[in-house]
Amino acid sequence: VEDVTKAYGGLMAVKHMGFEVSCGEIVGLIGPNGAGKSTMFNLISGEVPLTAGNIHFGNHTISGMRPPRIARLGLSRTFQHVRLIPGMTTLENVMIGAYLRTNDGILSAGLRLNLATDERVRSEAARQLRRVGLEDSMFVPAGSLPLGKQRVVEIARALCADPLLLLLDEPAAGLRYLEKKELALLLSDLRNEGLSVLIVEHDMEFLMNLVDRIVVMEFGEKLAEGLPQEIRSNPAVLEAYLGGV
């Protein structure tokens, strides 16, 4: 992220932001409510156009690209609110992500016009569900799963696109303690496999024990960046979060 700015009229949602995520690294993006974290996520994934600056992904400059093209380069994301189709099975929900790697499209898939592609997509979705530990839940309606597992289903769907970088928007929100532990173990395993992860998260305990580095935003700008232990004791960060306590 290189000197990125996003303005909505006279409102500067993001101002001259810059940071990097390296291969096989988990980076946390934190800040008080309204700091610009979600806007930064949407800029990276192409959901909204930036006003100034550039965003580079590998050898590509992705500023101005549409989300489907960015996703095909190897960048996948989840959203703050679960976006599953409750009446479809877990496997069918994950298959949606695998169709991104085909040339058939969702409409052809829905009409079952290419059974060979359908079988490949089904196999890939099943593989990713096994990868995240949800093999036993493949054929149950996704809406019947507890919230923690629904969030893992979303991660499996994102993994079907074979990403190099995974963007997670508050993946621990609403999860119980054990669900958070299971999610942290899954993300650690993905990092060990070489996947890079950028996380927006408000749960500091979850984040501090997981990430390699943290980037802190306030009022659209980068307030601090460093290792978790450095951020924990940073006076500017304490001021932003706790009023200087």
Protein backbone atom coordinates (compact mmCIF):
# COMPACT_ATOMS: atom_id res chain seq x y z
CA VAL A 1 0.00 0.00 0.00
CA GLU A 2 1.76 3.14 -1.25
CA ASP A 3 0.68 6.63 -0.11
CA VAL A 4 -3.01 5.75 -0.52
CA THR A 5 -5.74 8.34 0.00
CA LYS A 6 -9.52 7.98 -0.23
CA ALA A 7 -11.73 11.09 -0.13
CA TYR A 8 -15.52 11.27 -0.08
CA GLY A 9 -16.04 14.90 -0.99
CA GLY A 10 -14.42 16.85 1.82
CA LEU A 11 -14.17 13.80 4.10
CA MET A 12 -10.77 12.08 4.07
CA ALA A 13 -11.50 8.47 5.01
CA VAL A 14 -7.90 7.34 4.36
CA LYS A 15 -4.93 9.69 4.25
CA HIS A 16 -1.50 8.81 2.84
CA MET A 17 -1.55 5.23 4.14
CA GLY A 18 1.40 2.96 3.46
CA PHE A 19 2.36 -0.53 4.67
CA GLU A 20 3.38 -3.96 3.37
CA VAL A 21 2.42 -7.58 3.90
CA SER A 22 5.14 -10.14 3.16
CA CYS A 23 4.85 -13.77 2.09
CA GLY A 24 3.85 -16.13 4.90
CA GLU A 25 3.07 -13.29 7.30
CA ILE A 26 -0.02 -12.41 9.34
CA VAL A 27 -0.49 -8.65 9.76
CA GLY A 28 -3.17 -7.08 11.94
CA LEU A 29 -4.84 -3.81 10.95
CA ILE A 30 -6.35 -2.17 14.03
CA GLY A 31 -7.72 1.15 15.19
CA PRO A 32 -10.66 2.76 16.98
CA ASN A 33 -14.10 2.77 15.35
CA GLY A 34 -14.10 5.08 12.34
CA ALA A 35 -10.33 4.86 11.88
CA GLY A 36 -10.68 3.82 8.22
CA LYS A 37 -9.85 0.11 8.49
CA SER A 38 -12.80 -1.19 6.48
CA THR A 39 -12.27 1.50 3.83
CA MET A 40 -8.63 0.39 3.57
CA PHE A 41 -9.79 -3.21 3.08
CA ASN A 42 -12.23 -2.15 0.38
CA LEU A 43 -9.51 -0.19 -1.41
CA ILE A 44 -7.16 -3.18 -1.43
CA SER A 45 -9.82 -5.59 -2.73
CA GLY A 46 -11.11 -3.15 -5.33
CA GLU A 47 -14.56 -2.67 -3.78
CA VAL A 48 -14.11 1.12 -3.93
CA PRO A 49 -11.73 3.22 -6.09
CA LEU A 50 -8.90 5.11 -4.41
CA THR A 51 -8.41 8.85 -4.80
CA ALA A 52 -4.61 8.86 -4.86
CA GLY A 53 -1.64 6.54 -4.38
CA ASN A 54 -1.10 2.98 -5.55
CA ILE A 55 -1.64 -0.57 -4.35
CA HIS A 56 0.74 -3.26 -5.59
CA PHE A 57 0.20 -7.00 -5.39
CA GLY A 58 3.22 -9.05 -6.40
CA ASN A 59 4.31 -7.72 -9.79
CA HIS A 60 0.95 -6.08 -10.47
CA THR A 61 -0.36 -2.61 -9.73
CA ILE A 62 -3.98 -3.35 -8.82
CA SER A 63 -5.16 0.23 -8.27
CA GLY A 64 -8.31 0.68 -10.35
CA MET A 65 -8.83 -3.03 -11.06
CA ARG A 66 -12.25 -4.57 -10.49
CA PRO A 67 -12.60 -7.12 -7.65
CA PRO A 68 -12.95 -10.23 -9.91
CA ARG A 69 -9.68 -9.45 -11.67
CA ILE A 70 -7.90 -8.80 -8.38
CA ALA A 71 -9.25 -12.08 -7.01
CA ARG A 72 -7.92 -13.99 -10.03
CA LEU A 73 -4.44 -12.61 -9.29
CA GLY A 74 -4.57 -14.35 -5.91
CA LEU A 75 -6.23 -12.02 -3.40
CA SER A 76 -9.32 -13.31 -1.55
CA ARG A 77 -11.35 -11.79 1.27
CA THR A 78 -14.12 -12.40 3.75
CA PHE A 79 -16.55 -9.79 5.06
CA GLN A 80 -17.48 -8.51 8.50
CA HIS A 81 -20.94 -10.07 8.28
CA VAL A 82 -21.27 -13.70 7.24
CA ARG A 83 -22.31 -14.01 3.59
CA LEU A 84 -23.41 -17.61 3.18
CA ILE A 85 -26.55 -18.94 1.48
CA PRO A 86 -28.21 -20.62 4.49
CA GLY A 87 -30.32 -23.16 2.60
CA MET A 88 -27.42 -24.50 0.55
CA THR A 89 -25.09 -27.10 1.96
CA THR A 90 -21.68 -26.17 3.29
CA LEU A 91 -20.09 -27.86 0.28
CA GLU A 92 -22.26 -25.93 -2.19
CA ASN A 93 -21.40 -22.62 -0.51
CA VAL A 94 -17.69 -23.37 -0.79
CA MET A 95 -18.07 -24.47 -4.42
CA ILE A 96 -19.05 -20.89 -5.28
CA GLY A 97 -15.50 -19.79 -4.53
CA ALA A 98 -14.00 -22.56 -6.68
CA TYR A 99 -15.89 -21.47 -9.80
CA LEU A 100 -13.64 -18.39 -9.89
CA ARG A 101 -10.86 -20.69 -11.15
CA THR A 102 -12.95 -21.92 -14.11
CA ASN A 103 -14.04 -20.28 -17.34
CA ASP A 104 -17.64 -21.45 -17.09
CA GLY A 105 -19.11 -18.91 -14.67
CA ILE A 106 -21.80 -19.33 -12.04
CA LEU A 107 -24.73 -19.39 -14.53
CA SER A 108 -23.33 -22.31 -16.51
CA ALA A 109 -22.55 -24.07 -13.27
CA GLY A 110 -26.07 -23.55 -11.96
CA LEU A 111 -27.52 -25.03 -15.13
CA ARG A 112 -25.01 -27.92 -14.92
CA LEU A 113 -23.89 -27.33 -18.51
CA ASN A 114 -20.39 -28.67 -17.88
CA LEU A 115 -20.42 -31.72 -15.64
CA ALA A 116 -16.64 -32.18 -15.84
CA THR A 117 -16.08 -28.69 -14.46
CA ASP A 118 -18.75 -29.27 -11.83
CA GLU A 119 -16.95 -32.37 -10.62
CA ARG A 120 -13.60 -30.57 -10.42
CA VAL A 121 -15.16 -27.70 -8.48
CA ARG A 122 -16.89 -30.11 -6.09
CA SER A 123 -13.61 -31.93 -5.49
CA GLU A 124 -11.75 -28.67 -4.80
CA ALA A 125 -14.44 -27.47 -2.39
CA ALA A 126 -14.31 -30.77 -0.51
CA ARG A 127 -10.51 -30.52 -0.33
CA GLN A 128 -10.66 -27.06 1.21
CA LEU A 129 -13.29 -28.14 3.74
CA ARG A 130 -11.01 -30.99 4.81
CA ARG A 131 -8.15 -28.48 4.99
CA VAL A 132 -10.04 -26.30 7.48
CA GLY A 133 -11.41 -29.23 9.49
CA LEU A 134 -15.05 -29.16 8.35
CA GLU A 135 -15.18 -32.46 6.48
CA ASP A 136 -17.99 -33.75 8.73
CA SER A 137 -20.17 -30.71 7.92
CA MET A 138 -20.03 -30.87 4.11
CA PHE A 139 -23.62 -31.91 3.51
CA VAL A 140 -25.48 -30.00 6.21
CA PRO A 141 -27.19 -26.65 5.49
CA ALA A 142 -24.67 -23.87 6.07
CA GLY A 143 -27.26 -21.90 8.03
CA SER A 144 -27.49 -24.64 10.64
CA LEU A 145 -23.83 -24.32 11.64
CA PRO A 146 -22.75 -22.26 14.66
CA LEU A 147 -21.29 -18.84 13.87
CA GLY A 148 -17.70 -19.96 14.41
CA LYS A 149 -18.02 -22.70 11.81
CA GLN A 150 -19.84 -20.39 9.41
CA ARG A 151 -16.86 -18.06 9.49
CA VAL A 152 -14.54 -21.00 8.77
CA VAL A 153 -16.79 -21.96 5.83
CA GLU A 154 -16.22 -18.46 4.45
CA ILE A 155 -12.47 -18.94 4.81
CA ALA A 156 -12.71 -22.29 2.97
CA ARG A 157 -14.65 -20.58 0.17
CA ALA A 158 -11.97 -17.90 -0.09
CA LEU A 159 -9.23 -20.57 -0.14
CA CYS A 160 -10.90 -22.22 -3.15
CA ALA A 161 -9.68 -19.31 -5.27
CA ASP A 162 -6.09 -20.41 -4.43
CA PRO A 163 -5.08 -17.04 -2.93
CA LEU A 164 -1.63 -15.78 -2.06
CA LEU A 165 -3.13 -13.17 0.28
CA LEU A 166 -6.25 -13.57 2.41
CA LEU A 167 -8.06 -10.51 3.81
CA LEU A 168 -10.18 -11.25 6.90
CA ASP A 169 -12.61 -8.64 8.21
CA GLU A 170 -13.22 -9.25 11.94
CA PRO A 171 -13.14 -13.07 11.74
CA ALA A 172 -13.33 -13.48 15.54
CA ALA A 173 -16.41 -11.26 16.02
CA GLY A 174 -19.11 -13.06 17.99
CA LEU A 175 -17.05 -16.21 18.53
CA ARG A 176 -16.72 -18.06 21.83
CA TYR A 177 -13.34 -18.62 23.49
CA LEU A 178 -12.80 -22.13 22.10
CA GLU A 179 -13.94 -21.06 18.63
CA LYS A 180 -11.37 -18.27 18.70
CA LYS A 181 -8.64 -20.75 19.69
CA GLU A 182 -9.60 -23.05 16.82
CA LEU A 183 -9.63 -20.12 14.38
CA ALA A 184 -6.19 -18.97 15.56
CA LEU A 185 -4.78 -22.49 15.06
CA LEU A 186 -6.26 -22.63 11.55
CA LEU A 187 -4.76 -19.26 10.59
CA SER A 188 -1.38 -20.26 12.03
CA ASP A 189 -1.46 -23.45 9.94
CA LEU A 190 -2.29 -21.44 6.81
CA ARG A 191 0.63 -19.11 7.52
CA ASN A 192 2.92 -22.11 7.90
CA GLU A 193 1.77 -23.22 4.44
CA GLY A 194 3.01 -19.90 3.03
CA LEU A 195 -0.27 -17.98 2.87
CA SER A 196 -0.21 -14.28 3.76
CA VAL A 197 -3.06 -12.88 5.86
CA LEU A 198 -4.21 -9.32 6.61
CA ILE A 199 -6.73 -9.10 9.46
CA VAL A 200 -8.98 -6.31 10.69
CA GLU A 201 -9.94 -7.23 14.23
CA HIS A 202 -11.14 -5.58 17.46
CA ASP A 203 -10.33 -8.51 19.74
CA MET A 204 -6.85 -7.55 20.92
CA GLU A 205 -6.21 -10.73 22.90
CA PHE A 206 -6.97 -12.84 19.82
CA LEU A 207 -4.82 -10.63 17.61
CA MET A 208 -1.79 -10.11 19.84
CA ASN A 209 -1.17 -13.86 20.19
CA LEU A 210 -1.51 -14.51 16.47
CA VAL A 211 -0.02 -11.83 14.23
CA ASP A 212 3.57 -11.13 13.25
CA ARG A 213 3.11 -7.35 12.94
CA ILE A 214 0.42 -4.75 13.61
CA VAL A 215 -0.50 -1.59 11.70
CA VAL A 216 -2.54 0.95 13.70
CA MET A 217 -4.85 3.48 12.05
CA GLU A 218 -6.48 6.58 13.54
CA PHE A 219 -8.56 9.13 11.64
CA GLY A 220 -7.58 7.52 8.34
CA GLU A 221 -3.82 7.75 8.93
CA LYS A 222 -1.16 5.31 10.09
CA LEU A 223 -0.58 5.95 13.76
CA ALA A 224 1.97 3.20 14.44
CA GLU A 225 3.44 -0.03 13.08
CA GLY A 226 5.48 -2.73 14.78
CA LEU A 227 5.62 -6.03 16.62
CA PRO A 228 2.70 -6.88 18.95
CA GLN A 229 4.75 -6.20 22.08
CA GLU A 230 5.82 -2.81 20.68
CA ILE A 231 2.26 -1.81 19.84
CA ARG A 232 1.00 -2.95 23.25
CA SER A 233 3.26 -0.41 24.99
CA ASN A 234 3.17 2.39 22.38
CA PRO A 235 2.06 5.65 24.10
CA ALA A 236 0.30 6.96 20.97
CA VAL A 237 -1.69 3.73 20.64
CA LEU A 238 -2.63 3.76 24.34
CA GLU A 239 -3.79 7.34 23.93
CA ALA A 240 -5.95 6.47 20.92
CA TYR A 241 -7.55 3.44 22.58
CA LEU A 242 -7.55 4.28 26.28
CA GLY A 243 -7.17 8.01 26.57
CA GLY A 244 -3.59 7.67 27.76
CA VAL A 245 -4.21 5.20 30.60
